[in-house]
Amino acid sequence: MDDLKLTVEAIRKNLNMSREQMAKALNMSLDRYNRIVQGKSKMLAVELIALHKLSKLPLENIKV
């Protein structure tokens, strides 16, 4: 069985953050955050690491 992988939006909701708060916490614009959620952009490594630190989830459990 594959490990559970959470999307950026699922992580945001689990942290009880607004999209604006999440974008700010990940040091990106709201527009960039929305493009990532919509699958129009991929997360940069630095953004993924920031999400990992914020969520305290192992990198392998974050769906990119």
PDB file of N, CA and C in Angstrom:
ATOM      1  N   MET A   1       0.841  -1.180   0.000  1.00  0.00           N
ATOM      2  CA  MET A   1       0.000   0.000   0.000  1.00  0.00           C
ATOM      3  C   MET A   1       0.885   1.243   0.000  1.00  0.00           C
ATOM      4  N   ASP A   2       0.495   2.244  -0.796  1.00  0.00           N
ATOM      5  CA  ASP A   2       1.240   3.498  -0.847  1.00  0.00           C
ATOM      6  C   ASP A   2       1.022   4.289   0.436  1.00  0.00           C
ATOM      7  N   ASP A   3       2.035   5.046   0.808  1.00  0.00           N
ATOM      8  CA  ASP A   3       1.896   5.929   1.964  1.00  0.00           C
ATOM      9  C   ASP A   3       0.867   7.007   1.640  1.00  0.00           C
ATOM     10  N   LEU A   4       0.230   7.509   2.657  1.00  0.00           N
ATOM     11  CA  LEU A   4      -0.727   8.588   2.497  1.00  0.00           C
ATOM     12  C   LEU A   4       0.008   9.842   2.042  1.00  0.00           C
ATOM     13  N   LYS A   5      -0.502  10.455   0.974  1.00  0.00           N
ATOM     14  CA  LYS A   5       0.074  11.709   0.477  1.00  0.00           C
ATOM     15  C   LYS A   5      -1.001  12.767   0.522  1.00  0.00           C
ATOM     16  N   LEU A   6      -0.665  13.901   1.123  1.00  0.00           N
ATOM     17  CA  LEU A   6      -1.611  14.996   1.263  1.00  0.00           C
ATOM     18  C   LEU A   6      -1.293  16.109   0.273  1.00  0.00           C
ATOM     19  N   THR A   7      -2.338  16.683  -0.296  1.00  0.00           N
ATOM     20  CA  THR A   7      -2.163  17.819  -1.196  1.00  0.00           C
ATOM     21  C   THR A   7      -1.905  19.082  -0.386  1.00  0.00           C
ATOM     22  N   VAL A   8      -1.465  20.101  -1.072  1.00  0.00           N
ATOM     23  CA  VAL A   8      -1.219  21.394  -0.425  1.00  0.00           C
ATOM     24  C   VAL A   8      -2.522  21.910   0.194  1.00  0.00           C
ATOM     25  N   GLU A   9      -3.627  21.756  -0.520  1.00  0.00           N
ATOM     26  CA  GLU A   9      -4.917  22.231  -0.007  1.00  0.00           C
ATOM     27  C   GLU A   9      -5.346  21.442   1.225  1.00  0.00           C
ATOM     28  N   ALA A  10      -5.135  20.139   1.234  1.00  0.00           N
ATOM     29  CA  ALA A  10      -5.493  19.330   2.404  1.00  0.00           C
ATOM     30  C   ALA A  10      -4.653  19.746   3.613  1.00  0.00           C
ATOM     31  N   ILE A  11      -3.385  20.005   3.380  1.00  0.00           N
ATOM     32  CA  ILE A  11      -2.503  20.446   4.464  1.00  0.00           C
ATOM     33  C   ILE A  11      -2.970  21.798   4.992  1.00  0.00           C
ATOM     34  N   ARG A  12      -3.305  22.709   4.077  1.00  0.00           N
ATOM     35  CA  ARG A  12      -3.785  24.036   4.477  1.00  0.00           C
ATOM     36  C   ARG A  12      -5.026  23.923   5.347  1.00  0.00           C
ATOM     37  N   LYS A  13      -5.965  23.092   4.925  1.00  0.00           N
ATOM     38  CA  LYS A  13      -7.203  22.929   5.680  1.00  0.00           C
ATOM     39  C   LYS A  13      -6.937  22.302   7.044  1.00  0.00           C
ATOM     40  N   ASN A  14      -6.023  21.336   7.108  1.00  0.00           N
ATOM     41  CA  ASN A  14      -5.674  20.719   8.394  1.00  0.00           C
ATOM     42  C   ASN A  14      -5.019  21.716   9.343  1.00  0.00           C
ATOM     43  N   LEU A  15      -4.342  22.710   8.775  1.00  0.00           N
ATOM     44  CA  LEU A  15      -3.702  23.744   9.596  1.00  0.00           C
ATOM     45  C   LEU A  15      -4.658  24.893   9.921  1.00  0.00           C
ATOM     46  N   ASN A  16      -5.892  24.802   9.419  1.00  0.00           N
ATOM     47  CA  ASN A  16      -6.905  25.848   9.642  1.00  0.00           C
ATOM     48  C   ASN A  16      -6.405  27.215   9.203  1.00  0.00           C
ATOM     49  N   MET A  17      -5.808  27.259   8.013  1.00  0.00           N
ATOM     50  CA  MET A  17      -5.293  28.506   7.470  1.00  0.00           C
ATOM     51  C   MET A  17      -6.102  28.895   6.241  1.00  0.00           C
ATOM     52  N   SER A  18      -6.192  30.194   6.003  1.00  0.00           N
ATOM     53  CA  SER A  18      -6.797  30.671   4.764  1.00  0.00           C
ATOM     54  C   SER A  18      -5.768  30.505   3.643  1.00  0.00           C
ATOM     55  N   ARG A  19      -6.224  30.621   2.412  1.00  0.00           N
ATOM     56  CA  ARG A  19      -5.275  30.554   1.298  1.00  0.00           C
ATOM     57  C   ARG A  19      -4.259  31.686   1.385  1.00  0.00           C
ATOM     58  N   GLU A  20      -4.725  32.852   1.803  1.00  0.00           N
ATOM     59  CA  GLU A  20      -3.829  33.997   1.944  1.00  0.00           C
ATOM     60  C   GLU A  20      -2.765  33.728   3.004  1.00  0.00           C
ATOM     61  N   GLN A  21      -3.165  33.179   4.135  1.00  0.00           N
ATOM     62  CA  GLN A  21      -2.223  32.869   5.208  1.00  0.00           C
ATOM     63  C   GLN A  21      -1.205  31.817   4.754  1.00  0.00           C
ATOM     64  N   MET A  22      -1.685  30.798   4.039  1.00  0.00           N
ATOM     65  CA  MET A  22      -0.800  29.737   3.577  1.00  0.00           C
ATOM     66  C   MET A  22       0.207  30.276   2.571  1.00  0.00           C
ATOM     67  N   ALA A  23      -0.263  31.087   1.646  1.00  0.00           N
ATOM     68  CA  ALA A  23       0.644  31.675   0.657  1.00  0.00           C
ATOM     69  C   ALA A  23       1.725  32.500   1.348  1.00  0.00           C
ATOM     70  N   LYS A  24       1.315  33.307   2.312  1.00  0.00           N
ATOM     71  CA  LYS A  24       2.282  34.139   3.043  1.00  0.00           C
ATOM     72  C   LYS A  24       3.273  33.271   3.808  1.00  0.00           C
ATOM     73  N   ALA A  25       2.787  32.217   4.458  1.00  0.00           N
ATOM     74  CA  ALA A  25       3.656  31.321   5.226  1.00  0.00           C
ATOM     75  C   ALA A  25       4.670  30.617   4.325  1.00  0.00           C
ATOM     76  N   LEU A  26       4.294  30.387   3.070  1.00  0.00           N
ATOM     77  CA  LEU A  26       5.188  29.723   2.124  1.00  0.00           C
ATOM     78  C   LEU A  26       5.983  30.721   1.286  1.00  0.00           C
ATOM     79  N   ASN A  27       5.853  32.001   1.645  1.00  0.00           N
ATOM     80  CA  ASN A  27       6.596  33.075   0.986  1.00  0.00           C
ATOM     81  C   ASN A  27       6.318  33.124  -0.517  1.00  0.00           C
ATOM     82  N   MET A  28       5.026  33.074  -0.869  1.00  0.00           N
ATOM     83  CA  MET A  28       4.632  33.172  -2.270  1.00  0.00           C
ATOM     84  C   MET A  28       3.383  34.029  -2.373  1.00  0.00           C
ATOM     85  N   SER A  29       3.093  34.472  -3.581  1.00  0.00           N
ATOM     86  CA  SER A  29       1.887  35.269  -3.785  1.00  0.00           C
ATOM     87  C   SER A  29       0.654  34.356  -3.751  1.00  0.00           C
ATOM     88  N   LEU A  30      -0.485  34.959  -3.488  1.00  0.00           N
ATOM     89  CA  LEU A  30      -1.733  34.204  -3.511  1.00  0.00           C
ATOM     90  C   LEU A  30      -1.985  33.656  -4.910  1.00  0.00           C
ATOM     91  N   ASP A  31      -1.655  34.434  -5.928  1.00  0.00           N
ATOM     92  CA  ASP A  31      -1.823  33.975  -7.306  1.00  0.00           C
ATOM     93  C   ASP A  31      -0.986  32.721  -7.565  1.00  0.00           C
ATOM     94  N   ARG A  32       0.253  32.722  -7.118  1.00  0.00           N
ATOM     95  CA  ARG A  32       1.119  31.537  -7.298  1.00  0.00           C
ATOM     96  C   ARG A  32       0.549  30.349  -6.537  1.00  0.00           C
ATOM     97  N   TYR A  33       0.109  30.577  -5.317  1.00  0.00           N
ATOM     98  CA  TYR A  33      -0.480  29.492  -4.527  1.00  0.00           C
ATOM     99  C   TYR A  33      -1.673  28.884  -5.274  1.00  0.00           C
ATOM    100  N   ASN A  34      -2.542  29.742  -5.795  1.00  0.00           N
ATOM    101  CA  ASN A  34      -3.722  29.255  -6.515  1.00  0.00           C
ATOM    102  C   ASN A  34      -3.336  28.466  -7.763  1.00  0.00           C
ATOM    103  N   ARG A  35      -2.295  28.898  -8.474  1.00  0.00           N
ATOM    104  CA  ARG A  35      -1.843  28.154  -9.660  1.00  0.00           C
ATOM    105  C   ARG A  35      -1.317  26.779  -9.267  1.00  0.00           C
ATOM    106  N   ILE A  36      -0.648  26.674  -8.128  1.00  0.00           N
ATOM    107  CA  ILE A  36      -0.155  25.375  -7.651  1.00  0.00           C
ATOM    108  C   ILE A  36      -1.338  24.468  -7.313  1.00  0.00           C
ATOM    109  N   VAL A  37      -2.319  24.998  -6.599  1.00  0.00           N
ATOM    110  CA  VAL A  37      -3.503  24.219  -6.210  1.00  0.00           C
ATOM    111  C   VAL A  37      -4.254  23.721  -7.442  1.00  0.00           C
ATOM    112  N   GLN A  38      -4.332  24.567  -8.470  1.00  0.00           N
ATOM    113  CA  GLN A  38      -5.051  24.214  -9.696  1.00  0.00           C
ATOM    114  C   GLN A  38      -4.247  23.299 -10.616  1.00  0.00           C
ATOM    115  N   GLY A  39      -3.005  23.027 -10.261  1.00  0.00           N
ATOM    116  CA  GLY A  39      -2.166  22.158 -11.080  1.00  0.00           C
ATOM    117  C   GLY A  39      -1.539  22.859 -12.268  1.00  0.00           C
ATOM    118  N   LYS A  40      -1.582  24.174 -12.283  1.00  0.00           N
ATOM    119  CA  LYS A  40      -1.011  24.953 -13.389  1.00  0.00           C
ATOM    120  C   LYS A  40       0.472  25.243 -13.183  1.00  0.00           C
ATOM    121  N   SER A  41       0.945  25.101 -11.961  1.00  0.00           N
ATOM    122  CA  SER A  41       2.353  25.308 -11.624  1.00  0.00           C
ATOM    123  C   SER A  41       2.785  24.221 -10.650  1.00  0.00           C
ATOM    124  N   LYS A  42       4.071  23.946 -10.658  1.00  0.00           N
ATOM    125  CA  LYS A  42       4.658  23.007  -9.699  1.00  0.00           C
ATOM    126  C   LYS A  42       5.339  23.799  -8.596  1.00  0.00           C
ATOM    127  N   MET A  43       5.396  23.196  -7.418  1.00  0.00           N
ATOM    128  CA  MET A  43       6.102  23.838  -6.306  1.00  0.00           C
ATOM    129  C   MET A  43       7.603  23.797  -6.548  1.00  0.00           C
ATOM    130  N   LEU A  44       8.262  24.868  -6.178  1.00  0.00           N
ATOM    131  CA  LEU A  44       9.717  24.898  -6.191  1.00  0.00           C
ATOM    132  C   LEU A  44      10.225  24.139  -4.964  1.00  0.00           C
ATOM    133  N   ALA A  45      11.449  23.687  -5.018  1.00  0.00           N
ATOM    134  CA  ALA A  45      12.024  22.945  -3.899  1.00  0.00           C
ATOM    135  C   ALA A  45      11.976  23.758  -2.611  1.00  0.00           C
ATOM    136  N   VAL A  46      12.287  25.041  -2.694  1.00  0.00           N
ATOM    137  CA  VAL A  46      12.293  25.893  -1.505  1.00  0.00           C
ATOM    138  C   VAL A  46      10.879  26.004  -0.917  1.00  0.00           C
ATOM    139  N   GLU A  47       9.864  26.017  -1.775  1.00  0.00           N
ATOM    140  CA  GLU A  47       8.474  26.080  -1.306  1.00  0.00           C
ATOM    141  C   GLU A  47       8.061  24.765  -0.653  1.00  0.00           C
ATOM    142  N   LEU A  48       8.500  23.660  -1.239  1.00  0.00           N
ATOM    143  CA  LEU A  48       8.201  22.345  -0.675  1.00  0.00           C
ATOM    144  C   LEU A  48       8.841  22.188   0.705  1.00  0.00           C
ATOM    145  N   ILE A  49      10.051  22.654   0.849  1.00  0.00           N
ATOM    146  CA  ILE A  49      10.735  22.581   2.146  1.00  0.00           C
ATOM    147  C   ILE A  49      10.013  23.456   3.165  1.00  0.00           C
ATOM    148  N   ALA A  50       9.552  24.637   2.741  1.00  0.00           N
ATOM    149  CA  ALA A  50       8.800  25.507   3.652  1.00  0.00           C
ATOM    150  C   ALA A  50       7.503  24.830   4.084  1.00  0.00           C
ATOM    151  N   LEU A  51       6.835  24.149   3.163  1.00  0.00           N
ATOM    152  CA  LEU A  51       5.604  23.426   3.492  1.00  0.00           C
ATOM    153  C   LEU A  51       5.895  22.283   4.455  1.00  0.00           C
ATOM    154  N   HIS A  52       6.970  21.589   4.230  1.00  0.00           N
ATOM    155  CA  HIS A  52       7.405  20.496   5.115  1.00  0.00           C
ATOM    156  C   HIS A  52       7.647  21.017   6.538  1.00  0.00           C
ATOM    157  N   LYS A  53       8.332  22.134   6.659  1.00  0.00           N
ATOM    158  CA  LYS A  53       8.618  22.703   7.981  1.00  0.00           C
ATOM    159  C   LYS A  53       7.348  23.210   8.658  1.00  0.00           C
ATOM    160  N   LEU A  54       6.474  23.829   7.880  1.00  0.00           N
ATOM    161  CA  LEU A  54       5.227  24.366   8.421  1.00  0.00           C
ATOM    162  C   LEU A  54       4.296  23.248   8.898  1.00  0.00           C
ATOM    163  N   SER A  55       4.182  22.206   8.089  1.00  0.00           N
ATOM    164  CA  SER A  55       3.225  21.129   8.388  1.00  0.00           C
ATOM    165  C   SER A  55       3.803  20.046   9.293  1.00  0.00           C
ATOM    166  N   LYS A  56       5.136  19.984   9.352  1.00  0.00           N
ATOM    167  CA  LYS A  56       5.834  18.941  10.114  1.00  0.00           C
ATOM    168  C   LYS A  56       5.552  17.542   9.559  1.00  0.00           C
ATOM    169  N   LEU A  57       5.184  17.483   8.273  1.00  0.00           N
ATOM    170  CA  LEU A  57       4.968  16.208   7.604  1.00  0.00           C
ATOM    171  C   LEU A  57       6.264  15.786   6.904  1.00  0.00           C
ATOM    172  N   PRO A  58       6.521  14.478   6.828  1.00  0.00           N
ATOM    173  CA  PRO A  58       7.671  14.026   6.045  1.00  0.00           C
ATOM    174  C   PRO A  58       7.471  14.436   4.573  1.00  0.00           C
ATOM    175  N   LEU A  59       8.548  14.756   3.894  1.00  0.00           N
ATOM    176  CA  LEU A  59       8.469  15.167   2.497  1.00  0.00           C
ATOM    177  C   LEU A  59       7.745  14.132   1.640  1.00  0.00           C
ATOM    178  N   GLU A  60       7.973  12.864   1.940  1.00  0.00           N
ATOM    179  CA  GLU A  60       7.355  11.804   1.132  1.00  0.00           C
ATOM    180  C   GLU A  60       5.835  11.720   1.305  1.00  0.00           C
ATOM    181  N   ASN A  61       5.300  12.435   2.286  1.00  0.00           N
ATOM    182  CA  ASN A  61       3.845  12.445   2.506  1.00  0.00           C
ATOM    183  C   ASN A  61       3.180  13.683   1.920  1.00  0.00           C
ATOM    184  N   ILE A  62       3.932  14.484   1.199  1.00  0.00           N
ATOM    185  CA  ILE A  62       3.371  15.674   0.573  1.00  0.00           C
ATOM    186  C   ILE A  62       3.278  15.415  -0.920  1.00  0.00           C
ATOM    187  N   LYS A  63       2.061  15.521  -1.445  1.00  0.00           N
ATOM    188  CA  LYS A  63       1.820  15.302  -2.865  1.00  0.00           C
ATOM    189  C   LYS A  63       2.189  16.555  -3.645  1.00  0.00           C
ATOM    190  N   VAL A  64       3.101  16.399  -4.586  1.00  0.00           N
ATOM    191  CA  VAL A  64       3.510  17.537  -5.424  1.00  0.00           C
ATOM    192  C   VAL A  64       3.176  17.278  -6.870  1.00  0.00           C
TER     193      VAL A  64
END
